[in-house]
Amino acid sequence: MENKTYSQINEVVYSHKLENGLQVQVIPKPDFFKTFVYLGVHFGSLTNKFVPLGEQDMKEVPLGIAHFLEHKLFANADGTDASNLLAELGLEANAYTDYIQTVYLFNGAKNIGEGIKILLDFVQNPYFTYENVASEKNIIIQELKMYLDIPSDRLHNGLMNQLFVSYPMKYDIGGTIKEVRKITKEDLEKCYSTFYHPANMELVIVGRVDHEHMINTIIEHQKQKVYPKFSPIIREIGFEDNIVGKKYGRYRMDITLANVAVGVKIPAQKFARNQVIIEEILLKIVLAASIGPSTSYYQKLLDKELITNHLHYSVYFDNHCGYIKVNADSHDPKQLRRSIIHRLPALNNLVLSEKVFERFKKAVLGSFIKSLNNLDFLASLIIEYDLKNCDILESISLLEQLKVTDINTVLKYFQKQAISSYLIFPNEIASFKTKDSSLQQENEPEN
């Protein structure tokens, strides 16, 4: 058992790697009432081409299969549902799939040890039949259709579909209706046997627990299970430059205010240790200082009534490539779009004084550190950034040392060819149907 102290935020993390490869991290929080447990698997929606366990050739599986697996693992062979078993112990369970991982989690104030055993048991003991796979397809297809009716999801998926040419980030994490229909029991078994090895998982526990007791409980539980030697997984990542697949797209929905999203494509590259979180923070500083609520640009948008009250921005890296997204509701979406796509490329030549940089760095970094007091958020970040080759707590000291000249490493992303926009307009006549999960668009000349 190892422990690492992070003096900047007064945290101690106890970690242990089991013989089967499962990485366990425990952060005791004796002053908190609840405990949060996250089990992450390094298998998300971006992985659909890989060499299956025991094979030599690259296989392509349907989009959305990682999300499909997440749904199926809660069902036990005896007919019980794992979430109900956890609920009986007073624990609240959930799961999610994102671009790079699938995470199974629960939280509660008691029975944490027993909950961890149930969590590990249902994730490590899949139950697939032809019948339950077929029935799950209908459930997931209905879920995908539901998301198509949510403006924020439609806006995000529409933008991603345009930013990327072939990289799977262009598709919904759940896949497409056409692809989900292709998923077979055999596909699920290949994915499970390849990715759901303990050595491709990480268990994070944050809360009111005894770290030594927790780790020993997990060690004893895992001794009862036998796994083959883990083989490094060969995945086909693909390559994307910074040229977008499409510059402009639009859609109509039954909404009252138009939605505008403008994205900047971050091309494929190799990132050094902790580089992802550093570049994310630098980009957030740049955006806060150039289009954030305290800037003259933001005030100008308000004065011209191009935004109602918020201009949102976000940054995402997956340790390979990523995107910057700026979005808002607007009464004049075309003019807002033109303003943003004019503003973003100009950031390539942004100059900030040391004083201005430090002011925005303190605000962005302060908000980030404050968010780590949310135990749920902390547990999820540790798993996510471990997969991105970042120690989220270790990086805080690196972030505090950032200087104004460091922004030059991220300004390169703001290029005209890397920018795309997607708009959703209020439906003026009548809603129209889409085929499957494709993003039906109305073409409009670039302006």
Foldseek 3Di string as FASTA:
>chain_A
DDWDAQVVQGWIWDWDQAPLQAIEIETEDQVDQKKKKKKKFQDFQQFQWWAFPPGDDIDGAFGQLQVLLLVQLQADPVGDGLQVVQVVVVKGWDWDGDHGITMTMIMGRDPPLVNVLSVCVSLVDTDDDQVVLVVSLVVLLVVLVVLCQPVVSLFCLVFLLFLDDPRSSNHDRNHFNVRSVPDGSVNNVRVCLQTVRSSRMYMYMYYNDDVVVNVVSVNVSCVVDDDDRHDDIGTDRDWDDLFTNHAEWEAEHADDWKKKKKKFWWTFDADDAARQVLLQLLVQLLCCLQQNPVDPNVVVCVVVQQADRDWDWHWDDQRTITMIMIMGTGPDRVVVNVSVLVRQLVLLPDDDDQVSSVVSLCVSLVVVSVVCVPVNVVRVVCVRVVSSNYRVSVCSVVSVPDTRVVSNVNSVRRDSSNMHMYMYHYDPPDDDDDDTSDSDTDDDDDD
